[in-house]
Structure formats: C-alpha cells, structure tokens
C-alpha cells in the first residue's frame, strides 16, 4: 500500500492522480513556458531590427542636412516651450501662493521626466559629447 501511495499524488479536487499524469502536466507546462520564452525572444529580435531600421532611416534623412535638422529641433523646442509658457502664464498682478508654486514645480518635473524618457539614449549620448 505505501508503494501505491508514493506513485500517486493528491489533485486539488481531492482525487488521487497517478504520478505519470502529474509528470505529463509538468512537462506540458515546461513546454508552454519555453514557447513563451521563444515568442518573447522573437519579439525582442524584431524590436531590435525595427530600431536598427529606424536609425538607418533617420541617418538617411539627416545626411548632408545636419544643420537644418538641429535648427528644426530647436524651433520645435522653442514652439513647445512657448505653448507651455503661455498655458502656465498668469497675470503678474496676482501673487502666487506656495501651493501654486508646488503645483507648477510638480508639473514641470513630471513634464521633464516624460520628455527625458522620450529622448533616445543614443541621441542624448550624441549631444552630450
């Protein structure tokens, strides 16, 4: 009797299952996990390929027009800055309270974090040199 109990395991619904069934289920779960890993690897490879294609396309667009590209980026930044400044601007007659200042600083901090996350690392490394 003890040898029979060793070859069976208890199922969550209370019934006993042979060890082979449990082993098959474990093998099926491992196969499913390896399929998921393969899918994730494939997606990572595809994303890397898209990134490389995007870099090549951007280099092709900017080639022989580096100055114009920098000026366009500066103009876009200036435009965005003016829009944000106008949206946040208030009358100079009204004195800002500490709560208004904290709100504006928090908004500016969150905005800068979002902008920094949008700038690709390669671009930021290029311009930091």
Protein backbone atom coordinates (compact mmCIF):
# COMPACT_ATOMS: atom_id res chain seq x y z
CA UNK A 1 0.00 0.00 0.00
CA UNK A 2 2.73 2.59 0.75
CA UNK A 3 4.28 1.99 -2.67
CA UNK A 4 0.91 2.73 -4.26
CA UNK A 5 0.64 5.98 -2.36
CA UNK A 6 4.11 7.04 -3.48
CA UNK A 7 3.14 6.66 -7.13
CA UNK A 8 0.04 8.82 -6.71
CA UNK A 9 -0.39 12.45 -5.74
CA UNK A 10 -3.42 14.31 -4.49
CA UNK A 11 -5.21 16.57 -7.02
CA UNK A 12 -6.73 19.91 -5.84
CA UNK A 13 -10.27 18.47 -6.11
CA UNK A 14 -9.35 15.72 -3.62
CA UNK A 15 -8.97 12.83 -6.06
CA UNK A 16 -5.75 10.94 -6.40
CA UNK A 17 -3.81 11.16 -9.67
CA UNK A 18 -1.11 8.83 -10.91
CA UNK A 19 2.39 10.32 -10.87
CA UNK A 20 2.58 9.95 -14.65
CA UNK A 21 -0.32 12.38 -15.11
CA UNK A 22 1.36 14.91 -12.86
CA UNK A 23 4.62 14.41 -14.75
CA UNK A 24 2.86 14.95 -18.09
CA UNK A 25 1.23 18.13 -16.79
CA UNK A 26 4.59 19.40 -15.55
CA UNK A 27 6.18 18.64 -18.93
CA UNK A 28 3.34 20.41 -20.73
CA UNK A 29 3.80 23.48 -18.52
CA UNK A 30 7.55 23.50 -19.22
CA UNK A 31 6.87 23.24 -22.96
CA UNK A 32 4.43 26.16 -22.71
CA UNK A 33 6.98 28.22 -20.82
CA UNK A 34 9.65 27.55 -23.45
CA UNK A 35 7.20 28.59 -26.19
CA UNK A 36 6.55 31.85 -24.34
CA UNK A 37 10.30 32.44 -23.99
CA UNK A 38 10.77 31.79 -27.71
CA UNK A 39 7.97 34.24 -28.51
CA UNK A 40 9.49 36.91 -26.26
CA UNK A 41 12.91 36.38 -27.83
CA UNK A 42 11.39 36.70 -31.29
CA UNK A 43 9.65 39.93 -30.32
CA UNK A 44 12.89 41.31 -28.86
CA UNK A 45 14.77 40.43 -32.04
CA UNK A 46 12.08 42.06 -34.15
CA UNK A 47 12.13 45.21 -31.99
CA UNK A 48 15.91 45.37 -32.31
CA UNK A 49 15.60 45.04 -36.08
CA UNK A 50 12.97 47.83 -36.21
CA UNK A 51 15.20 50.05 -34.07
CA UNK A 52 18.13 49.49 -36.45
CA UNK A 53 15.93 50.26 -39.46
CA UNK A 54 14.71 53.45 -37.78
CA UNK A 55 18.28 54.53 -37.09
CA UNK A 56 19.27 53.91 -40.69
CA UNK A 57 16.25 55.85 -41.98
CA UNK A 58 16.95 58.77 -39.65
CA UNK A 59 20.59 58.88 -40.73
CA UNK A 60 19.48 58.89 -44.37
CA UNK A 61 17.04 61.76 -43.76
CA UNK A 62 19.56 63.85 -41.84
CA UNK A 63 22.54 63.10 -44.08
CA UNK A 64 24.01 66.32 -45.53
CA UNK A 65 21.38 68.33 -43.61
CA UNK A 66 22.69 68.22 -40.03
CA UNK A 67 22.38 71.97 -39.54
CA UNK A 68 18.81 72.09 -40.78
CA UNK A 69 17.88 69.13 -38.55
CA UNK A 70 19.31 70.85 -35.47
CA UNK A 71 17.55 74.11 -36.33
CA UNK A 72 14.24 72.28 -36.81
CA UNK A 73 14.66 70.58 -33.42
CA UNK A 74 15.45 73.93 -31.78
CA UNK A 75 12.44 75.57 -33.44
CA UNK A 76 10.16 72.76 -32.33
CA UNK A 77 11.52 73.01 -28.77
CA UNK A 78 11.02 76.77 -28.76
CA UNK A 79 7.46 76.37 -30.02
CA UNK A 80 6.62 73.78 -27.38
CA UNK A 81 8.19 75.97 -24.71
CA UNK A 82 6.15 78.99 -25.79
CA UNK A 83 2.93 77.00 -25.77
CA UNK A 84 3.64 75.60 -22.30
CA UNK A 85 4.69 79.03 -21.05
CA UNK A 86 1.52 80.61 -22.36
CA UNK A 87 -0.59 77.87 -20.82
CA UNK A 88 1.06 78.23 -17.42
CA UNK A 89 1.43 82.01 -17.53
CA UNK A 90 -0.63 84.11 -15.18
CA UNK A 91 -1.07 87.77 -14.62
CA UNK A 92 1.88 89.37 -12.86
CA UNK A 93 -0.50 91.26 -10.58
CA UNK A 94 -1.64 88.05 -8.92
CA UNK A 95 0.84 86.77 -6.37
CA UNK A 96 1.48 83.04 -6.44
CA UNK A 97 0.82 81.10 -3.28
CA UNK A 98 3.10 78.31 -2.10
CA UNK A 99 0.50 75.76 -3.25
CA UNK A 100 0.50 77.20 -6.78
CA UNK A 101 4.29 77.12 -6.84
CA UNK A 102 4.41 73.48 -5.66
CA UNK A 103 1.83 72.53 -8.30
CA UNK A 104 3.80 74.25 -11.05
CA UNK A 105 7.08 72.70 -9.93
CA UNK A 106 5.49 69.25 -9.80
CA UNK A 107 4.04 69.72 -13.27
CA UNK A 108 7.41 70.88 -14.62
CA UNK A 109 9.21 67.94 -13.01
CA UNK A 110 6.73 65.40 -14.46
CA UNK A 111 6.95 67.09 -17.87
CA UNK A 112 10.76 66.93 -17.87
CA UNK A 113 10.71 63.26 -16.83
CA UNK A 114 8.38 62.43 -19.71
CA UNK A 115 10.47 64.37 -22.21
CA UNK A 116 13.65 62.68 -20.97
CA UNK A 117 12.04 59.26 -21.37
CA UNK A 118 11.13 60.12 -24.98
CA UNK A 119 14.64 61.11 -25.99
CA UNK A 120 16.52 58.01 -27.15
CA UNK A 121 19.70 57.20 -25.27
CA UNK A 122 21.76 57.30 -28.44
CA UNK A 123 20.60 60.82 -29.24
CA UNK A 124 21.26 62.09 -25.73
CA UNK A 125 24.71 60.47 -25.73
CA UNK A 126 25.48 62.04 -29.12
CA UNK A 127 24.66 65.57 -27.98
CA UNK A 128 26.25 65.22 -24.53
CA UNK A 129 29.72 64.76 -26.09
